[in-house]
Amino acid sequence: EISDCKDIRSAYVLYGPDNVLTKYPVHNRLMNKLGDVSRTTNMNGSCALGLGLVAAGRADALIQPLQSPWDWAAGKVILEEAGGKMIFYEMRKTDANSYGKIIPIQKLEPRHYNPDERTLGFVAANEGLAEEIMKILLELSE
């Protein structure tokens, strides 16, 4: 069952990339901000494992940039069955090597499933926590 953690200050947040790359400047700023305000953060490096940990209530949230559909499709169903929510967003390139602009997605479309154009990321958690993290991510993206 999904965690009922409602406050980012007591949340255990997983960060999906396996390293802090310069191509994720917004996420690096987010990681620094969440590191200051959340209970703890951890770099996971596995989308499927992170979704499983959130769905099982062993972690409170997962922030995952740039994934292919096969990385999250099955985990999305499991997470939602456990009571969780995934908020998807697109990442737009700010230059040839980095992504900076975050654009929320209200509804997934067929183009979001294209593995040749990996621009899709997400926040997974209970509804309130997912929305709180997404709000911070969008503020850092501006």
Protein backbone atom coordinates (compact mmCIF):
# COMPACT_ATOMS: atom_id res chain seq x y z
CA GLU A 1 0.00 0.00 0.00
CA ILE A 2 1.21 3.48 -0.89
CA SER A 3 2.65 5.73 1.83
CA ASP A 4 0.31 8.28 3.32
CA CYS A 5 3.14 10.79 3.89
CA LYS A 6 1.68 14.24 3.31
CA ASP A 7 4.60 16.49 4.19
CA ILE A 8 7.75 16.73 2.09
CA ARG A 9 9.73 17.33 5.31
CA SER A 10 9.07 13.77 6.45
CA ALA A 11 9.28 12.13 3.00
CA TYR A 12 11.78 9.57 1.77
CA VAL A 13 12.26 10.63 -1.86
CA LEU A 14 13.92 8.50 -4.54
CA TYR A 15 15.63 10.25 -7.40
CA GLY A 16 15.61 8.12 -10.54
CA PRO A 17 18.78 8.90 -12.51
CA ASP A 18 21.76 6.79 -11.58
CA ASN A 19 23.99 9.84 -11.46
CA VAL A 20 23.79 13.62 -11.32
CA LEU A 21 24.27 14.53 -14.95
CA THR A 22 24.71 18.04 -16.27
CA LYS A 23 21.93 17.35 -18.78
CA TYR A 24 19.37 17.49 -15.91
CA PRO A 25 19.97 20.97 -14.44
CA VAL A 26 16.39 21.40 -13.20
CA HIS A 27 16.46 18.00 -11.52
CA ASN A 28 19.82 18.74 -9.95
CA ARG A 29 18.36 21.94 -8.46
CA LEU A 30 15.32 19.93 -7.35
CA MET A 31 17.54 17.31 -5.71
CA ASN A 32 19.41 20.04 -3.83
CA LYS A 33 16.16 21.67 -2.71
CA LEU A 34 14.55 18.37 -1.65
CA GLY A 35 17.75 17.36 0.08
CA ASP A 36 17.39 20.44 2.25
CA VAL A 37 13.69 19.98 3.06
CA SER A 38 12.85 16.26 2.88
CA ARG A 39 13.63 13.61 5.48
CA THR A 40 16.04 11.91 3.10
CA THR A 41 16.74 11.43 -0.60
CA ASN A 42 18.36 8.56 -2.40
CA MET A 43 19.54 8.12 -5.98
CA ASN A 44 17.96 4.92 -7.21
CA GLY A 45 19.01 4.42 -10.84
CA SER A 46 16.12 2.03 -11.57
CA CYS A 47 12.70 3.24 -12.62
CA ALA A 48 11.01 -0.14 -12.07
CA LEU A 49 12.55 -0.64 -8.63
CA GLY A 50 11.65 2.92 -7.59
CA LEU A 51 8.03 2.49 -8.66
CA GLY A 52 7.87 -0.81 -6.79
CA LEU A 53 9.26 0.75 -3.62
CA VAL A 54 6.76 3.61 -3.78
CA ALA A 55 3.85 1.24 -4.53
CA ALA A 56 4.85 -0.93 -1.57
CA GLY A 57 5.08 2.07 0.77
CA ARG A 58 8.83 1.55 1.33
CA ALA A 59 9.59 4.97 -0.20
CA ASP A 60 7.32 8.00 -0.31
CA ALA A 61 8.05 9.37 -3.78
CA LEU A 62 10.01 8.82 -6.98
CA ILE A 63 11.18 11.57 -9.34
CA GLN A 64 12.17 10.09 -12.69
CA PRO A 65 13.32 12.09 -15.72
CA LEU A 66 13.55 10.81 -19.30
CA GLN A 67 12.17 7.31 -19.39
CA SER A 68 11.02 5.01 -22.17
CA PRO A 69 7.50 3.55 -21.88
CA TRP A 70 8.71 0.04 -21.05
CA ASP A 71 10.49 1.47 -18.00
CA TRP A 72 7.28 2.67 -16.34
CA ALA A 73 4.20 1.13 -18.01
CA ALA A 74 3.82 -1.93 -15.76
CA GLY A 75 4.89 -0.01 -12.67
CA LYS A 76 2.25 2.64 -13.35
CA VAL A 77 -0.51 0.04 -13.09
CA ILE A 78 0.95 -1.40 -9.89
CA LEU A 79 1.39 2.06 -8.36
CA GLU A 80 -2.15 3.13 -9.18
CA GLU A 81 -3.60 -0.13 -7.82
CA ALA A 82 -1.74 0.62 -4.57
CA GLY A 83 -3.38 4.07 -4.42
CA GLY A 84 -0.57 6.14 -5.93
CA LYS A 85 -0.45 8.74 -8.65
CA MET A 86 1.98 9.47 -11.45
CA ILE A 87 2.20 13.03 -12.74
CA PHE A 88 3.91 13.10 -16.12
CA TYR A 89 5.82 15.98 -17.68
CA GLU A 90 7.84 16.68 -20.77
CA MET A 91 11.40 17.92 -20.60
CA ARG A 92 12.44 20.36 -23.31
CA LYS A 93 16.04 20.87 -24.31
CA THR A 94 17.53 24.22 -23.39
CA ASP A 95 20.62 23.53 -25.50
CA ALA A 96 22.19 20.58 -27.33
CA ASN A 97 23.22 18.79 -24.14
CA SER A 98 20.78 19.69 -21.39
CA TYR A 99 17.11 19.67 -20.49
CA GLY A 100 15.66 22.52 -18.50
CA LYS A 101 12.06 23.37 -19.32
CA ILE A 102 9.44 21.21 -17.58
CA ILE A 103 5.96 21.10 -19.13
CA PRO A 104 3.19 19.24 -17.25
CA ILE A 105 1.14 16.71 -19.21
CA GLN A 106 -2.55 16.48 -18.46
CA LYS A 107 -3.11 13.37 -20.59
CA LEU A 108 -0.66 10.99 -22.21
CA GLU A 109 -0.84 10.88 -26.00
CA PRO A 110 0.62 8.34 -28.49
CA ARG A 111 3.62 10.60 -29.11
CA HIS A 112 4.62 10.21 -25.44
CA TYR A 113 5.22 6.50 -26.03
CA ASN A 114 7.86 7.10 -28.71
CA PRO A 115 11.18 5.66 -27.43
CA ASP A 116 13.12 7.61 -30.08
CA GLU A 117 12.05 10.89 -28.45
CA ARG A 118 12.74 10.40 -24.77
CA THR A 119 11.30 13.59 -23.31
CA LEU A 120 8.94 12.11 -20.74
CA GLY A 121 9.51 12.17 -16.99
CA PHE A 122 7.25 11.76 -13.97
CA VAL A 123 6.72 12.15 -10.25
CA ALA A 124 5.15 9.15 -8.46
CA ALA A 125 3.73 9.27 -4.92
CA ASN A 126 0.42 9.64 -3.15
CA GLU A 127 -1.63 12.38 -4.79
CA GLY A 128 -0.82 15.20 -2.36
CA LEU A 129 2.90 14.53 -2.21
CA ALA A 130 3.17 14.06 -5.99
CA GLU A 131 1.47 17.42 -6.53
CA GLU A 132 3.71 19.14 -3.97
CA ILE A 133 6.89 17.81 -5.62
CA MET A 134 5.61 18.66 -9.09
CA LYS A 135 4.89 22.22 -7.95
CA ILE A 136 8.49 22.59 -6.74
CA LEU A 137 9.83 21.07 -9.97
CA LEU A 138 7.82 23.54 -12.06
CA GLU A 139 9.02 26.49 -9.94
CA LEU A 140 12.63 25.44 -10.47
CA SER A 141 12.03 25.09 -14.20
CA GLU A 142 11.00 28.73 -14.72
